[in-house]
N, C-alpha and C. Protein backbone atom coordinates (compact mmCIF):
# COMPACT_ATOMS: atom_id res chain seq x y z
N MET A 1 127.46 111.18 98.51
CA MET A 1 126.53 110.75 97.47
C MET A 1 125.31 111.67 97.50
N LYS A 2 124.94 112.21 96.37
CA LYS A 2 123.74 113.04 96.28
C LYS A 2 122.51 112.15 96.31
N ILE A 3 121.48 112.63 97.00
CA ILE A 3 120.21 111.90 97.06
C ILE A 3 119.43 112.11 95.77
N TYR A 4 119.47 113.30 95.25
CA TYR A 4 118.72 113.57 94.03
C TYR A 4 119.66 113.45 92.82
N THR A 5 119.17 112.71 91.83
CA THR A 5 119.96 112.49 90.61
C THR A 5 119.33 113.16 89.40
N LYS A 6 118.08 113.52 89.52
CA LYS A 6 117.29 114.14 88.45
C LYS A 6 117.00 113.18 87.29
N THR A 7 117.42 111.91 87.42
CA THR A 7 117.19 110.96 86.33
C THR A 7 115.73 110.51 86.25
N GLY A 8 114.95 110.77 87.29
CA GLY A 8 113.55 110.38 87.28
C GLY A 8 112.61 111.53 87.01
N ASP A 9 113.16 112.66 86.66
CA ASP A 9 112.33 113.86 86.48
C ASP A 9 111.34 113.76 85.32
N LYS A 10 111.55 112.84 84.41
CA LYS A 10 110.65 112.69 83.26
C LYS A 10 109.77 111.45 83.38
N GLY A 11 109.62 110.97 84.65
CA GLY A 11 108.71 109.86 84.88
C GLY A 11 109.27 108.49 84.58
N LYS A 12 110.57 108.38 84.50
CA LYS A 12 111.22 107.08 84.25
C LYS A 12 112.12 106.75 85.44
N THR A 13 112.33 105.46 85.65
CA THR A 13 113.24 105.00 86.69
C THR A 13 113.97 103.77 86.18
N SER A 14 115.01 103.38 86.87
CA SER A 14 115.83 102.24 86.45
C SER A 14 115.49 101.00 87.27
N LEU A 15 115.45 99.86 86.59
CA LEU A 15 115.36 98.58 87.26
C LEU A 15 116.78 98.15 87.62
N LEU A 16 116.89 97.08 88.41
CA LEU A 16 118.21 96.65 88.85
C LEU A 16 119.14 96.26 87.70
N GLY A 17 118.59 95.81 86.61
CA GLY A 17 119.42 95.46 85.45
C GLY A 17 119.87 96.66 84.64
N GLY A 18 119.32 97.83 84.95
CA GLY A 18 119.74 99.05 84.27
C GLY A 18 118.75 99.62 83.27
N SER A 19 117.77 98.82 82.84
CA SER A 19 116.83 99.37 81.85
C SER A 19 115.92 100.40 82.50
N ARG A 20 115.52 101.37 81.70
CA ARG A 20 114.65 102.46 82.17
C ARG A 20 113.21 102.12 81.82
N VAL A 21 112.31 102.32 82.79
CA VAL A 21 110.89 102.05 82.58
C VAL A 21 110.09 103.20 83.19
N SER A 22 108.84 103.28 82.78
CA SER A 22 107.93 104.27 83.34
C SER A 22 107.72 104.02 84.83
N LYS A 23 107.59 105.07 85.59
CA LYS A 23 107.30 104.93 87.01
C LYS A 23 105.89 104.38 87.23
N ALA A 24 105.08 104.30 86.18
CA ALA A 24 103.76 103.71 86.25
C ALA A 24 103.78 102.22 85.86
N ASN A 25 104.93 101.68 85.58
CA ASN A 25 105.11 100.28 85.21
C ASN A 25 104.60 99.37 86.35
N ARG A 26 103.99 98.24 85.99
CA ARG A 26 103.46 97.31 87.00
C ARG A 26 104.54 96.86 87.98
N ARG A 27 105.74 96.66 87.49
CA ARG A 27 106.84 96.21 88.35
C ARG A 27 107.15 97.28 89.40
N ILE A 28 107.17 98.54 88.97
CA ILE A 28 107.45 99.64 89.90
C ILE A 28 106.32 99.76 90.92
N ASP A 29 105.09 99.64 90.44
CA ASP A 29 103.93 99.70 91.33
C ASP A 29 104.00 98.57 92.35
N ALA A 30 104.37 97.36 91.91
CA ALA A 30 104.41 96.21 92.81
C ALA A 30 105.44 96.42 93.92
N TYR A 31 106.66 96.83 93.57
CA TYR A 31 107.62 96.99 94.65
C TYR A 31 107.41 98.28 95.43
N GLY A 32 106.72 99.24 94.85
CA GLY A 32 106.34 100.43 95.60
C GLY A 32 105.35 100.11 96.71
N ASN A 33 104.39 99.22 96.41
CA ASN A 33 103.43 98.79 97.44
C ASN A 33 104.14 98.01 98.55
N VAL A 34 105.12 97.19 98.18
CA VAL A 34 105.89 96.45 99.17
C VAL A 34 106.70 97.42 100.04
N ASP A 35 107.23 98.47 99.43
CA ASP A 35 107.98 99.48 100.17
C ASP A 35 107.06 100.21 101.16
N GLU A 36 105.86 100.56 100.72
CA GLU A 36 104.89 101.20 101.62
C GLU A 36 104.56 100.27 102.79
N LEU A 37 104.34 99.00 102.50
CA LEU A 37 104.06 98.02 103.54
C LEU A 37 105.21 97.98 104.55
N ASN A 38 106.43 98.02 104.05
CA ASN A 38 107.59 97.98 104.93
C ASN A 38 107.58 99.15 105.91
N SER A 39 107.15 100.31 105.44
CA SER A 39 107.05 101.48 106.32
C SER A 39 105.99 101.28 107.40
N TRP A 40 104.86 100.69 107.03
CA TRP A 40 103.82 100.40 108.01
C TRP A 40 104.31 99.38 109.04
N ILE A 41 105.07 98.39 108.59
CA ILE A 41 105.63 97.41 109.54
C ILE A 41 106.59 98.13 110.49
N GLY A 42 107.35 99.10 109.98
CA GLY A 42 108.22 99.89 110.85
C GLY A 42 107.43 100.64 111.91
N LEU A 43 106.28 101.19 111.53
CA LEU A 43 105.43 101.88 112.49
C LEU A 43 104.93 100.90 113.55
N LEU A 44 104.54 99.71 113.14
CA LEU A 44 104.10 98.69 114.10
C LEU A 44 105.24 98.32 115.04
N ARG A 45 106.44 98.19 114.49
CA ARG A 45 107.61 97.83 115.29
C ARG A 45 107.89 98.88 116.36
N ASP A 46 107.57 100.13 116.05
CA ASP A 46 107.83 101.23 116.98
C ASP A 46 106.83 101.31 118.14
N GLN A 47 105.77 100.54 118.10
CA GLN A 47 104.73 100.59 119.14
C GLN A 47 105.16 99.72 120.32
N SER A 48 105.05 100.26 121.53
CA SER A 48 105.53 99.54 122.72
C SER A 48 104.85 98.18 122.90
N VAL A 49 103.60 98.05 122.50
CA VAL A 49 102.90 96.77 122.65
C VAL A 49 103.58 95.67 121.82
N ASN A 50 104.33 96.06 120.80
CA ASN A 50 105.00 95.09 119.93
C ASN A 50 106.45 94.86 120.31
N GLN A 51 106.86 95.31 121.49
CA GLN A 51 108.26 95.17 121.90
C GLN A 51 108.72 93.72 121.86
N LYS A 52 107.89 92.80 122.30
CA LYS A 52 108.30 91.38 122.29
C LYS A 52 108.34 90.80 120.87
N ARG A 53 107.75 91.49 119.91
CA ARG A 53 107.76 91.05 118.51
C ARG A 53 108.78 91.84 117.69
N HIS A 54 109.54 92.66 118.35
CA HIS A 54 110.48 93.57 117.69
C HIS A 54 111.38 92.84 116.67
N LEU A 55 111.99 91.75 117.09
CA LEU A 55 112.92 91.03 116.20
C LEU A 55 112.19 90.40 115.01
N LEU A 56 111.01 89.85 115.25
CA LEU A 56 110.23 89.27 114.15
C LEU A 56 109.84 90.36 113.15
N LEU A 57 109.44 91.53 113.66
CA LEU A 57 109.05 92.61 112.75
C LEU A 57 110.26 93.11 111.95
N ILE A 58 111.43 93.13 112.55
CA ILE A 58 112.65 93.47 111.78
C ILE A 58 112.90 92.42 110.72
N GLU A 59 112.73 91.16 111.08
CA GLU A 59 112.90 90.06 110.11
C GLU A 59 111.91 90.22 108.95
N ILE A 60 110.68 90.58 109.25
CA ILE A 60 109.67 90.80 108.21
C ILE A 60 110.10 91.96 107.31
N GLN A 61 110.61 93.03 107.91
CA GLN A 61 111.07 94.16 107.11
C GLN A 61 112.22 93.75 106.20
N ASP A 62 113.13 92.92 106.71
CA ASP A 62 114.22 92.41 105.89
C ASP A 62 113.69 91.61 104.70
N ARG A 63 112.71 90.75 104.97
CA ARG A 63 112.13 89.94 103.91
C ARG A 63 111.43 90.82 102.87
N LEU A 64 110.79 91.89 103.33
CA LEU A 64 110.13 92.80 102.39
C LEU A 64 111.15 93.53 101.52
N PHE A 65 112.29 93.91 102.08
CA PHE A 65 113.35 94.51 101.25
C PHE A 65 113.84 93.50 100.22
N THR A 66 113.96 92.25 100.64
CA THR A 66 114.37 91.19 99.71
C THR A 66 113.34 91.03 98.59
N ILE A 67 112.06 91.02 98.95
CA ILE A 67 111.00 90.91 97.95
C ILE A 67 111.07 92.09 96.99
N GLY A 68 111.25 93.30 97.54
CA GLY A 68 111.38 94.48 96.69
C GLY A 68 112.54 94.36 95.72
N SER A 69 113.65 93.79 96.17
CA SER A 69 114.81 93.60 95.29
C SER A 69 114.49 92.62 94.16
N HIS A 70 113.79 91.55 94.50
CA HIS A 70 113.39 90.59 93.46
C HIS A 70 112.47 91.25 92.44
N LEU A 71 111.54 92.06 92.94
CA LEU A 71 110.59 92.71 92.03
C LEU A 71 111.25 93.79 91.19
N ALA A 72 112.29 94.41 91.71
CA ALA A 72 113.01 95.46 90.97
C ALA A 72 113.98 94.88 89.95
N ASN A 73 114.23 93.58 90.04
CA ASN A 73 115.14 92.92 89.11
C ASN A 73 114.38 92.58 87.84
N GLU A 74 114.90 93.01 86.73
CA GLU A 74 114.19 92.80 85.46
C GLU A 74 114.34 91.41 84.89
N GLY A 75 115.01 90.54 85.57
CA GLY A 75 115.16 89.17 85.10
C GLY A 75 116.45 88.99 84.33
N GLY A 76 116.67 87.76 83.93
CA GLY A 76 117.89 87.45 83.21
C GLY A 76 119.07 87.34 84.17
N GLU A 77 120.27 87.54 83.64
CA GLU A 77 121.48 87.45 84.45
C GLU A 77 121.50 88.54 85.51
N ARG A 78 121.82 88.15 86.73
CA ARG A 78 121.95 89.13 87.81
C ARG A 78 123.41 89.55 87.91
N GLN A 79 123.60 90.84 88.04
CA GLN A 79 124.95 91.36 88.17
C GLN A 79 125.41 91.28 89.62
N PHE A 80 124.50 90.99 90.54
CA PHE A 80 124.81 90.91 91.96
C PHE A 80 123.84 89.95 92.61
N SER A 81 124.18 89.52 93.81
CA SER A 81 123.39 88.52 94.51
C SER A 81 122.22 89.16 95.26
N ILE A 82 121.05 88.55 95.14
CA ILE A 82 119.87 88.96 95.90
C ILE A 82 119.50 87.78 96.79
N PRO A 83 119.32 88.02 98.09
CA PRO A 83 118.93 86.90 98.97
C PRO A 83 117.63 86.26 98.50
N GLU A 84 117.42 85.04 98.90
CA GLU A 84 116.20 84.32 98.51
C GLU A 84 115.11 84.52 99.55
N ILE A 85 113.88 84.41 99.08
CA ILE A 85 112.74 84.23 99.97
C ILE A 85 112.53 82.72 100.00
N LYS A 86 112.49 82.16 101.20
CA LYS A 86 112.41 80.71 101.33
C LYS A 86 111.09 80.31 101.98
N HIS A 87 110.75 79.07 101.80
CA HIS A 87 109.53 78.56 102.45
C HIS A 87 109.67 78.59 103.96
N SER A 88 110.91 78.55 104.47
CA SER A 88 111.11 78.66 105.92
C SER A 88 110.68 80.04 106.42
N ASP A 89 110.74 81.06 105.57
CA ASP A 89 110.23 82.39 105.95
C ASP A 89 108.71 82.34 106.16
N ILE A 90 108.05 81.60 105.30
CA ILE A 90 106.60 81.42 105.42
C ILE A 90 106.29 80.59 106.67
N ASP A 91 107.09 79.55 106.90
CA ASP A 91 106.91 78.72 108.09
C ASP A 91 107.03 79.55 109.36
N ARG A 92 107.95 80.51 109.35
CA ARG A 92 108.16 81.39 110.52
C ARG A 92 106.89 82.19 110.80
N LEU A 93 106.27 82.72 109.76
CA LEU A 93 105.01 83.48 109.93
C LEU A 93 103.90 82.56 110.45
N GLU A 94 103.81 81.36 109.88
CA GLU A 94 102.77 80.42 110.31
C GLU A 94 102.94 80.04 111.77
N LYS A 95 104.18 79.85 112.20
CA LYS A 95 104.44 79.52 113.61
C LYS A 95 103.98 80.67 114.51
N ALA A 96 104.28 81.90 114.12
CA ALA A 96 103.88 83.07 114.91
C ALA A 96 102.35 83.18 114.94
N ILE A 97 101.70 82.92 113.81
CA ILE A 97 100.23 82.95 113.76
C ILE A 97 99.66 81.90 114.72
N ASP A 98 100.18 80.69 114.64
CA ASP A 98 99.68 79.60 115.49
C ASP A 98 99.87 79.92 116.97
N GLU A 99 101.02 80.49 117.32
CA GLU A 99 101.28 80.83 118.73
C GLU A 99 100.29 81.88 119.23
N MET A 100 100.02 82.89 118.42
CA MET A 100 99.06 83.91 118.84
C MET A 100 97.66 83.33 118.92
N ASN A 101 97.29 82.52 117.92
CA ASN A 101 95.94 81.94 117.89
C ASN A 101 95.63 81.09 119.11
N GLU A 102 96.66 80.46 119.69
CA GLU A 102 96.46 79.64 120.89
C GLU A 102 95.95 80.48 122.05
N GLU A 103 96.25 81.77 122.05
CA GLU A 103 95.87 82.66 123.15
C GLU A 103 94.58 83.44 122.87
N LEU A 104 94.04 83.29 121.68
CA LEU A 104 92.89 84.10 121.27
C LEU A 104 91.60 83.29 121.27
N PRO A 105 90.48 83.95 121.57
CA PRO A 105 89.21 83.24 121.47
C PRO A 105 88.88 82.96 120.01
N PRO A 106 88.10 81.92 119.76
CA PRO A 106 87.72 81.62 118.37
C PRO A 106 86.93 82.79 117.77
N MET A 107 87.11 82.99 116.48
CA MET A 107 86.36 84.05 115.78
C MET A 107 85.00 83.52 115.38
N LYS A 108 83.99 84.34 115.60
CA LYS A 108 82.63 83.95 115.22
C LYS A 108 82.05 84.89 114.18
N ASN A 109 82.67 86.06 114.01
CA ASN A 109 82.22 87.07 113.06
C ASN A 109 83.45 87.73 112.43
N PHE A 110 83.20 88.45 111.36
CA PHE A 110 84.22 89.37 110.89
C PHE A 110 84.37 90.45 111.95
N ILE A 111 85.53 91.09 111.97
CA ILE A 111 85.82 92.10 112.99
C ILE A 111 86.03 93.44 112.31
N LEU A 112 85.40 94.47 112.86
CA LEU A 112 85.60 95.82 112.33
C LEU A 112 86.96 96.34 112.77
N PRO A 113 87.75 96.90 111.86
CA PRO A 113 89.05 97.45 112.24
C PRO A 113 88.88 98.61 113.23
N GLY A 114 89.79 98.69 114.17
CA GLY A 114 89.79 99.81 115.12
C GLY A 114 89.79 99.36 116.55
N GLY A 115 89.67 100.32 117.45
CA GLY A 115 89.64 100.05 118.88
C GLY A 115 90.78 100.74 119.61
N ASN A 116 91.84 101.03 118.89
CA ASN A 116 93.02 101.69 119.45
C ASN A 116 93.89 102.05 118.24
N PRO A 117 94.65 103.15 118.28
CA PRO A 117 95.48 103.48 117.11
C PRO A 117 96.40 102.34 116.67
N VAL A 118 96.99 101.61 117.61
CA VAL A 118 97.90 100.52 117.22
C VAL A 118 97.14 99.42 116.47
N ILE A 119 95.94 99.12 116.92
CA ILE A 119 95.11 98.12 116.24
C ILE A 119 94.79 98.61 114.83
N SER A 120 94.45 99.87 114.73
CA SER A 120 94.15 100.45 113.40
C SER A 120 95.37 100.42 112.50
N TYR A 121 96.56 100.74 113.03
CA TYR A 121 97.79 100.68 112.23
C TYR A 121 98.00 99.26 111.70
N THR A 122 97.70 98.29 112.55
CA THR A 122 97.88 96.89 112.14
C THR A 122 96.93 96.53 111.01
N HIS A 123 95.69 96.99 111.10
CA HIS A 123 94.74 96.73 110.01
C HIS A 123 95.13 97.46 108.73
N ILE A 124 95.65 98.67 108.86
CA ILE A 124 96.12 99.39 107.67
C ILE A 124 97.27 98.62 107.03
N ALA A 125 98.21 98.14 107.85
CA ALA A 125 99.32 97.34 107.32
C ALA A 125 98.79 96.10 106.60
N ARG A 126 97.77 95.47 107.19
CA ARG A 126 97.17 94.28 106.56
C ARG A 126 96.58 94.61 105.19
N THR A 127 95.87 95.72 105.10
CA THR A 127 95.24 96.05 103.82
C THR A 127 96.28 96.50 102.79
N VAL A 128 97.33 97.17 103.22
CA VAL A 128 98.43 97.52 102.31
C VAL A 128 99.11 96.24 101.84
N CYS A 129 99.24 95.27 102.73
CA CYS A 129 99.82 93.98 102.36
C CYS A 129 98.97 93.30 101.29
N ARG A 130 97.65 93.34 101.45
CA ARG A 130 96.76 92.75 100.44
C ARG A 130 96.90 93.48 99.10
N ARG A 131 97.06 94.81 99.14
CA ARG A 131 97.26 95.56 97.89
C ARG A 131 98.59 95.16 97.26
N ALA A 132 99.62 95.02 98.08
CA ALA A 132 100.93 94.60 97.56
C ALA A 132 100.81 93.22 96.91
N GLU A 133 100.10 92.33 97.57
CA GLU A 133 99.89 90.99 97.02
C GLU A 133 99.17 91.05 95.68
N ARG A 134 98.11 91.86 95.60
CA ARG A 134 97.37 91.98 94.33
C ARG A 134 98.29 92.52 93.23
N GLY A 135 99.14 93.48 93.58
CA GLY A 135 100.06 94.04 92.59
C GLY A 135 101.06 93.01 92.09
N VAL A 136 101.55 92.19 92.99
CA VAL A 136 102.50 91.15 92.60
C VAL A 136 101.80 90.10 91.73
N VAL A 137 100.58 89.74 92.09
CA VAL A 137 99.81 88.78 91.28
C VAL A 137 99.57 89.36 89.89
N ALA A 138 99.21 90.64 89.81
CA ALA A 138 99.00 91.28 88.49
C ALA A 138 100.29 91.25 87.68
N LEU A 139 101.41 91.53 88.31
CA LEU A 139 102.71 91.48 87.62
C LEU A 139 102.99 90.06 87.13
N ALA A 140 102.70 89.08 87.98
CA ALA A 140 102.96 87.68 87.63
C ALA A 140 102.12 87.20 86.46
N GLU A 141 101.04 87.90 86.14
CA GLU A 141 100.23 87.52 84.98
C GLU A 141 100.92 87.82 83.66
N SER A 142 101.91 88.72 83.69
CA SER A 142 102.59 89.07 82.44
C SER A 142 104.11 88.87 82.50
N GLU A 143 104.66 88.72 83.70
CA GLU A 143 106.12 88.55 83.84
C GLU A 143 106.40 87.50 84.89
N ALA A 144 107.59 86.94 84.85
CA ALA A 144 107.98 85.90 85.81
C ALA A 144 108.15 86.50 87.21
N VAL A 145 107.44 85.92 88.17
CA VAL A 145 107.57 86.28 89.58
C VAL A 145 107.60 84.97 90.35
N GLU A 146 108.52 84.86 91.27
CA GLU A 146 108.61 83.64 92.06
C GLU A 146 107.35 83.45 92.89
N GLU A 147 106.79 82.27 92.81
CA GLU A 147 105.54 81.95 93.52
C GLU A 147 105.68 82.17 95.02
N VAL A 148 106.85 81.91 95.57
CA VAL A 148 107.06 82.04 97.01
C VAL A 148 106.82 83.48 97.49
N ILE A 149 107.00 84.45 96.61
CA ILE A 149 106.76 85.86 96.98
C ILE A 149 105.27 86.09 97.22
N VAL A 150 104.44 85.56 96.33
CA VAL A 150 102.98 85.70 96.50
C VAL A 150 102.54 84.98 97.77
N ILE A 151 103.07 83.80 98.00
CA ILE A 151 102.70 83.03 99.19
C ILE A 151 103.12 83.78 100.45
N TYR A 152 104.33 84.35 100.45
CA TYR A 152 104.80 85.09 101.62
C TYR A 152 103.88 86.28 101.92
N LEU A 153 103.54 87.04 100.91
CA LEU A 153 102.67 88.20 101.13
C LEU A 153 101.28 87.78 101.61
N ASN A 154 100.77 86.69 101.08
CA ASN A 154 99.48 86.17 101.52
C ASN A 154 99.53 85.78 103.00
N ARG A 155 100.58 85.07 103.38
CA ARG A 155 100.72 84.65 104.77
C ARG A 155 100.98 85.85 105.68
N LEU A 156 101.71 86.84 105.18
CA LEU A 156 101.97 88.03 105.99
C LEU A 156 100.67 88.77 106.31
N SER A 157 99.76 88.84 105.34
CA SER A 157 98.48 89.51 105.63
C SER A 157 97.70 88.72 106.68
N ASP A 158 97.80 87.39 106.65
CA ASP A 158 97.17 86.57 107.69
C ASP A 158 97.81 86.88 109.05
N TYR A 159 99.13 86.96 109.06
CA TYR A 159 99.85 87.28 110.30
C TYR A 159 99.38 88.63 110.85
N LEU A 160 99.26 89.61 109.97
CA LEU A 160 98.86 90.95 110.42
C LEU A 160 97.43 90.95 110.98
N PHE A 161 96.56 90.16 110.39
CA PHE A 161 95.19 90.07 110.92
C PHE A 161 95.21 89.47 112.33
N VAL A 162 95.93 88.36 112.50
CA VAL A 162 95.99 87.74 113.82
C VAL A 162 96.71 88.66 114.80
N LEU A 163 97.73 89.37 114.31
CA LEU A 163 98.42 90.34 115.17
C LEU A 163 97.44 91.42 115.66
N SER A 164 96.54 91.86 114.79
CA SER A 164 95.57 92.88 115.21
C SER A 164 94.70 92.34 116.35
N ARG A 165 94.34 91.08 116.27
CA ARG A 165 93.54 90.47 117.33
C ARG A 165 94.35 90.32 118.61
N MET A 166 95.63 89.97 118.47
CA MET A 166 96.49 89.80 119.63
C MET A 166 96.73 91.14 120.33
N VAL A 167 96.98 92.18 119.54
CA VAL A 167 97.17 93.51 120.11
C VAL A 167 95.89 93.97 120.80
N THR A 168 94.75 93.65 120.22
CA THR A 168 93.46 93.98 120.86
C THR A 168 93.41 93.36 122.25
N LYS A 169 93.78 92.10 122.33
CA LYS A 169 93.78 91.41 123.62
C LYS A 169 94.78 92.04 124.58
N GLU A 170 96.00 92.27 124.11
CA GLU A 170 97.06 92.79 124.98
C GLU A 170 96.76 94.20 125.48
N LEU A 171 96.04 94.97 124.70
CA LEU A 171 95.68 96.33 125.12
C LEU A 171 94.34 96.39 125.85
N SER A 172 93.77 95.22 126.12
CA SER A 172 92.46 95.11 126.78
C SER A 172 91.40 95.92 126.05
N SER A 173 91.49 95.90 124.74
CA SER A 173 90.49 96.55 123.91
C SER A 173 89.41 95.52 123.59
N THR A 174 88.40 95.94 122.90
CA THR A 174 87.29 95.05 122.57
C THR A 174 87.17 94.92 121.06
N GLU A 175 87.05 93.67 120.60
CA GLU A 175 86.78 93.45 119.19
C GLU A 175 85.31 93.78 118.93
N VAL A 176 85.08 94.54 117.87
CA VAL A 176 83.71 94.86 117.49
C VAL A 176 83.33 93.99 116.31
N PRO A 177 82.43 93.04 116.53
CA PRO A 177 82.05 92.16 115.41
C PRO A 177 81.22 92.91 114.38
N TRP A 178 81.39 92.50 113.14
CA TRP A 178 80.55 93.03 112.07
C TRP A 178 79.27 92.22 112.06
N VAL A 179 78.17 92.91 112.31
CA VAL A 179 76.85 92.27 112.27
C VAL A 179 76.08 93.00 111.19
N PRO A 180 75.92 92.38 110.03
CA PRO A 180 75.24 93.06 108.92
C PRO A 180 73.82 93.47 109.28
N LYS A 181 73.43 94.64 108.84
CA LYS A 181 72.04 95.08 109.05
C LYS A 181 71.12 94.22 108.23
N LYS A 182 69.96 93.97 108.76
CA LYS A 182 68.98 93.12 108.04
C LYS A 182 68.00 93.99 107.31
């Protein structure tokens, strides 16, 4: 199978139903942001500090591919089956957040991103997740998008924030609180 088809050379791409749309289409932008997020999650998965979270991060990547498939589907009759995003996927993230939070000190300030490259990667993944969420919300303002997708992305960004705090603790780094200048 050839990787290059030349069908996108004029700025158009195909949705799963076969229709051609501009590569600047909101739907393409939305699943492109999810795809970028998936790559950042892969980078996090590759970090030794996340070895014990390896399977959860793979599960998250799987869910992001599923979300991308839903977003790439133009609606109507599906010619093939796409797995569902379920509320149990959100519950899984919430459970992981709660488990990490039990080991973390209470937050008293906003925290400045950084302290170690892995912590920074986690914050970048979080902000890409927020961008992906905004893109999906923008798409949902004009086209049908399953609400569970927005909820999953919202909870995933929460997970990534708490993960950044957990990695900070595990790497014996220091959280730098944001203290606004007066």
